[in-house]
Amino acid sequence: MNILLLSNSTNHGETYMNHAKEKIAQFLGNRKRVLFIPYAGVSISYDAYTETVQAALAEHGIEIQGIHQFDSAQTAIKQAEAIAVGGGNTFRLVQQLYEQGVLDLIRTRVHDGCPFVGWSAGSNVAGPTLCTTNDMPIVEPRSFDCLNLVPFQINPHYTEDTIPNHGGESRKARLEEYICLNTNDVVCLPEGSWLEVNESGIAFDGGEGFKVYQHPDQVLDFEKHAASQYFNRFKKFTSN
């Protein structure tokens, strides 16, 4: 497998994909035609979303093709040189992956070696389920089950910031609720960070470190240089 999972597409004060486009280009290598899945886009049209990604990556000679521009979404997946899944609303994304009949196809293609790039919602769906998304359930997908490309949940855009004088639950509180009732680990990706997955294992980069929430009530801190202490346990999974 060759997978790149980005926490986000835009760092504060930067242009779209500025922090990630060189990494994406390096990850894709000679594969210049990328099938883009814009299904998480809700307040932006699929055409506009595809054009935005194309503009960001054009300087690296990458050609973005929207899956919605093909007569058959399933055929597009089967023929793709590489697959990218953008951010937005995870519930809408998963709903459409099921409705278009491509979720299992994507999993198969990635296990066969097709490179996969995701950011935000597109990274969230790489885990077993969408249950650690930050998004509102604006639609009801057929199932919460996702691609299971990595054997842990992902929480993108991770932050422990809170709004002063605001009584709503923090991100930390929500994730603590999740691990009370579920056994999957949750790997939290701060803004600007990413995971790269291949047959050699899983590597963290783009940030100083990350947190892992574990059932039933444990939160672990890992600095970047110590990431292998956590991810080495998954080598058997990534080598399949």
Protein backbone atom coordinates (compact mmCIF):
# COMPACT_ATOMS: atom_id res chain seq x y z
CA MET A 1 0.00 0.00 0.00
CA ASN A 2 1.05 3.59 -0.66
CA ILE A 3 -1.06 6.03 1.33
CA LEU A 4 -0.66 9.69 2.30
CA LEU A 5 -3.12 11.00 4.90
CA LEU A 6 -3.05 14.75 5.53
CA SER A 7 -4.75 16.43 8.45
CA ASN A 8 -5.79 19.46 6.42
CA SER A 9 -5.56 21.21 3.06
CA THR A 10 -4.88 24.77 4.22
CA ASN A 11 -2.68 26.06 7.02
CA HIS A 12 -3.71 29.34 8.62
CA GLY A 13 -2.43 32.30 6.61
CA GLU A 14 -1.31 30.16 3.66
CA THR A 15 -2.74 29.45 0.24
CA TYR A 16 -4.59 26.23 -0.52
CA MET A 17 -2.31 23.16 -0.29
CA ASN A 18 0.77 25.33 0.14
CA HIS A 19 2.17 23.23 2.98
CA ALA A 20 1.38 19.91 1.32
CA LYS A 21 1.73 20.16 -2.46
CA GLU A 22 5.44 19.33 -2.58
CA LYS A 23 4.86 16.33 -0.33
CA ILE A 24 1.98 15.17 -2.52
CA ALA A 25 4.12 15.53 -5.66
CA GLN A 26 6.99 13.61 -4.06
CA PHE A 27 4.59 10.91 -2.88
CA LEU A 28 3.01 10.48 -6.33
CA GLY A 29 6.35 10.36 -8.15
CA ASN A 30 5.85 9.65 -11.84
CA ARG A 31 2.10 9.24 -11.53
CA LYS A 32 0.79 12.51 -12.91
CA ARG A 33 -2.88 11.68 -13.56
CA VAL A 34 -4.89 11.64 -10.35
CA LEU A 35 -8.54 10.71 -9.96
CA PHE A 36 -10.06 13.18 -7.50
CA ILE A 37 -13.13 12.35 -5.39
CA PRO A 38 -14.89 15.60 -4.39
CA TYR A 39 -17.90 13.97 -2.73
CA ALA A 40 -17.21 15.64 0.64
CA GLY A 41 -17.78 19.03 -0.95
CA VAL A 42 -21.20 20.40 -0.02
CA SER A 43 -21.08 24.18 -0.32
CA ILE A 44 -18.84 24.00 -3.40
CA SER A 45 -19.64 22.35 -6.72
CA TYR A 46 -17.69 19.26 -7.71
CA ASP A 47 -16.35 21.11 -10.76
CA ALA A 48 -15.14 24.07 -8.70
CA TYR A 49 -13.59 21.78 -6.09
CA THR A 50 -11.74 19.80 -8.77
CA GLU A 51 -10.49 23.03 -10.38
CA THR A 52 -9.21 24.26 -7.00
CA VAL A 53 -7.16 21.10 -6.45
CA GLN A 54 -5.91 21.24 -10.05
CA ALA A 55 -4.74 24.82 -9.63
CA ALA A 56 -2.84 23.94 -6.47
CA LEU A 57 -0.97 20.99 -7.98
CA ALA A 58 -0.52 22.16 -11.58
CA GLU A 59 3.01 23.46 -10.96
CA HIS A 60 4.12 19.88 -10.37
CA GLY A 61 2.65 18.67 -13.66
CA ILE A 62 -0.18 16.81 -11.95
CA GLU A 63 -3.47 16.43 -13.85
CA ILE A 64 -6.59 16.20 -11.69
CA GLN A 65 -9.68 14.46 -13.06
CA GLY A 66 -12.92 14.54 -11.08
CA ILE A 67 -14.66 11.21 -10.64
CA HIS A 68 -17.97 12.95 -11.37
CA GLN A 69 -16.72 13.73 -14.88
CA PHE A 70 -16.72 10.05 -15.86
CA ASP A 71 -19.74 8.11 -17.12
CA SER A 72 -19.02 5.41 -14.55
CA ALA A 73 -17.51 6.09 -11.13
CA GLN A 74 -16.62 2.42 -10.80
CA THR A 75 -14.76 2.35 -14.11
CA ALA A 76 -12.92 5.52 -13.11
CA ILE A 77 -11.67 3.83 -9.93
CA LYS A 78 -10.63 0.69 -11.80
CA GLN A 79 -8.59 2.73 -14.30
CA ALA A 80 -7.08 5.31 -11.93
CA GLU A 81 -3.30 5.78 -11.72
CA ALA A 82 -3.73 7.38 -8.30
CA ILE A 83 -6.69 8.38 -6.14
CA ALA A 84 -7.16 11.54 -4.07
CA VAL A 85 -10.07 12.17 -1.70
CA GLY A 86 -10.72 15.72 -0.57
CA GLY A 87 -12.06 17.18 2.64
CA GLY A 88 -15.45 18.56 3.50
CA ASN A 89 -18.28 16.71 5.21
CA THR A 90 -17.39 13.10 6.04
CA PHE A 91 -21.01 11.93 6.28
CA ARG A 92 -21.74 13.17 2.76
CA LEU A 93 -18.49 11.63 1.50
CA VAL A 94 -19.27 8.19 2.92
CA GLN A 95 -22.87 8.36 1.73
CA GLN A 96 -21.70 8.96 -1.83
CA LEU A 97 -18.95 6.32 -1.72
CA TYR A 98 -21.66 3.77 -0.92
CA GLU A 99 -24.20 5.17 -3.38
CA GLN A 100 -21.69 5.15 -6.23
CA GLY A 101 -20.57 1.63 -5.31
CA VAL A 102 -16.89 2.53 -5.09
CA LEU A 103 -15.91 2.06 -1.44
CA ASP A 104 -14.89 -1.59 -1.81
CA LEU A 105 -13.27 -0.86 -5.18
CA ILE A 106 -11.08 1.85 -3.67
CA ARG A 107 -9.98 -0.49 -0.89
CA THR A 108 -9.08 -3.17 -3.43
CA ARG A 109 -7.15 -0.79 -5.68
CA VAL A 110 -5.16 0.62 -2.76
CA HIS A 111 -4.29 -2.86 -1.50
CA ASP A 112 -3.12 -3.63 -5.04
CA GLY A 113 -0.74 -0.66 -4.93
CA CYS A 114 -2.69 2.29 -6.32
CA PRO A 115 -1.50 5.42 -4.45
CA PHE A 116 -4.10 7.06 -2.22
CA VAL A 117 -3.99 10.65 -0.95
CA GLY A 118 -6.58 11.96 1.49
CA TRP A 119 -7.00 15.13 3.50
CA SER A 120 -9.42 15.98 6.30
CA ALA A 121 -12.56 13.92 5.54
CA GLY A 122 -10.52 12.07 2.93
CA SER A 123 -8.13 10.96 5.66
CA ASN A 124 -10.92 10.21 8.11
CA VAL A 125 -12.40 7.59 5.75
CA ALA A 126 -9.09 5.73 5.54
CA GLY A 127 -9.77 4.35 9.03
CA PRO A 128 -12.24 1.63 10.03
CA THR A 129 -15.20 4.00 10.53
CA LEU A 130 -16.17 7.66 10.29
CA CYS A 131 -16.99 7.81 14.02
CA THR A 132 -14.15 10.22 14.89
CA THR A 133 -15.00 12.82 12.28
CA ASN A 134 -15.47 16.42 13.40
CA ASP A 135 -18.45 16.90 11.09
CA MET A 136 -22.20 17.23 11.53
CA PRO A 137 -24.30 14.30 10.21
CA ILE A 138 -26.10 16.29 7.52
CA VAL A 139 -26.97 13.08 5.65
CA GLU A 140 -27.25 9.43 6.68
CA PRO A 141 -24.79 7.05 5.02
CA ARG A 142 -25.66 3.40 4.53
CA SER A 143 -23.04 2.48 7.13
CA PHE A 144 -20.39 4.17 9.29
CA ASP A 145 -17.87 1.58 8.03
CA CYS A 146 -15.13 3.08 5.89
CA LEU A 147 -12.06 1.93 3.94
CA ASN A 148 -10.09 0.35 6.81
CA LEU A 149 -6.81 1.12 5.05
CA VAL A 150 -5.25 1.75 8.44
CA PRO A 151 -6.23 -0.18 11.59
CA PHE A 152 -7.02 2.85 13.73
CA GLN A 153 -9.38 5.80 13.72
CA ILE A 154 -8.15 9.19 12.54
CA ASN A 155 -9.11 12.57 13.93
CA PRO A 156 -7.91 15.29 11.54
CA HIS A 157 -7.53 18.97 12.48
CA TYR A 158 -6.79 17.88 16.04
CA THR A 159 -6.65 20.66 18.60
CA GLU A 160 -7.15 21.03 22.32
CA ASP A 161 -8.02 24.71 22.03
CA THR A 162 -11.28 25.80 23.62
CA ILE A 163 -13.38 28.93 23.22
CA PRO A 164 -13.34 31.10 26.35
CA ASN A 165 -16.68 31.24 28.18
CA HIS A 166 -18.15 28.60 25.84
CA GLY A 167 -19.88 25.66 27.51
CA GLY A 168 -19.74 23.17 24.63
CA GLU A 169 -17.65 20.02 24.77
CA SER A 170 -14.03 20.18 23.61
CA ARG A 171 -12.51 17.89 20.97
CA LYS A 172 -10.75 16.10 23.80
CA ALA A 173 -14.03 15.45 25.59
CA ARG A 174 -15.65 14.06 22.43
CA LEU A 175 -12.77 11.68 21.77
CA GLU A 176 -12.81 10.54 25.40
CA GLU A 177 -16.47 9.63 24.86
CA TYR A 178 -15.49 7.60 21.81
CA ILE A 179 -12.85 5.53 23.60
CA CYS A 180 -15.24 4.85 26.47
CA LEU A 181 -17.45 2.86 24.10
CA ASN A 182 -15.10 1.68 21.33
CA THR A 183 -11.85 -0.28 21.23
CA ASN A 184 -10.20 1.25 18.12
CA ASP A 185 -7.30 3.60 18.84
CA VAL A 186 -7.71 7.19 17.63
CA VAL A 187 -4.63 8.80 16.04
CA CYS A 188 -4.99 12.58 16.21
CA LEU A 189 -3.34 14.63 13.46
CA PRO A 190 -2.67 18.30 14.28
CA GLU A 191 -2.89 20.89 11.52
CA GLY A 192 -0.05 20.63 9.01
CA SER A 193 0.81 17.01 9.82
CA TRP A 194 0.36 13.76 7.92
CA LEU A 195 0.86 10.00 7.94
CA GLU A 196 2.61 8.10 5.16
CA VAL A 197 1.86 4.40 4.88
CA ASN A 198 3.70 1.82 2.79
CA GLU A 199 5.08 -1.71 3.07
CA SER A 200 7.84 -0.44 5.37
CA GLY A 201 5.29 0.77 7.90
CA ILE A 202 3.69 4.04 8.99
CA ALA A 203 5.54 7.33 9.45
CA PHE A 204 4.39 10.63 10.98
CA ASP A 205 5.66 13.98 9.68
CA GLY A 206 4.75 17.63 9.29
CA GLY A 207 4.43 18.35 13.00
CA GLU A 208 6.18 18.03 16.32
CA GLY A 209 4.05 15.11 17.51
CA PHE A 210 0.63 13.56 17.90
CA LYS A 211 -1.72 12.03 20.46
CA VAL A 212 -3.36 8.62 20.55
CA TYR A 213 -6.60 7.98 22.45
CA GLN A 214 -6.97 4.38 23.62
CA HIS A 215 -9.83 2.43 25.16
CA PRO A 216 -10.99 2.78 27.86
CA ASP A 217 -9.48 6.04 29.14
CA GLN A 218 -5.85 6.49 28.09
CA VAL A 219 -4.29 9.33 26.09
CA LEU A 220 -0.72 8.88 24.88
CA ASP A 221 1.67 11.57 23.64
CA PHE A 222 4.25 10.79 20.95
CA GLU A 223 6.92 13.18 19.72
CA LYS A 224 7.81 12.96 16.03
CA HIS A 225 11.09 11.13 16.66
CA ALA A 226 9.28 8.52 18.76
CA ALA A 227 6.41 7.84 16.33
CA SER A 228 7.80 4.42 15.46
CA GLN A 229 7.25 3.34 19.08
CA TYR A 230 3.55 3.42 18.34
CA PHE A 231 3.34 2.56 14.64
CA ASN A 232 5.69 -0.44 14.64
CA ARG A 233 2.86 -2.58 15.99
CA PHE A 234 1.02 -2.20 12.67
CA LYS A 235 3.76 -3.47 10.32
CA LYS A 236 1.96 -6.75 9.74
CA PHE A 237 -1.17 -4.85 8.70
CA THR A 238 0.62 -2.51 6.28
CA SER A 239 2.62 -5.31 4.65
CA ASN A 240 -0.55 -7.13 3.55
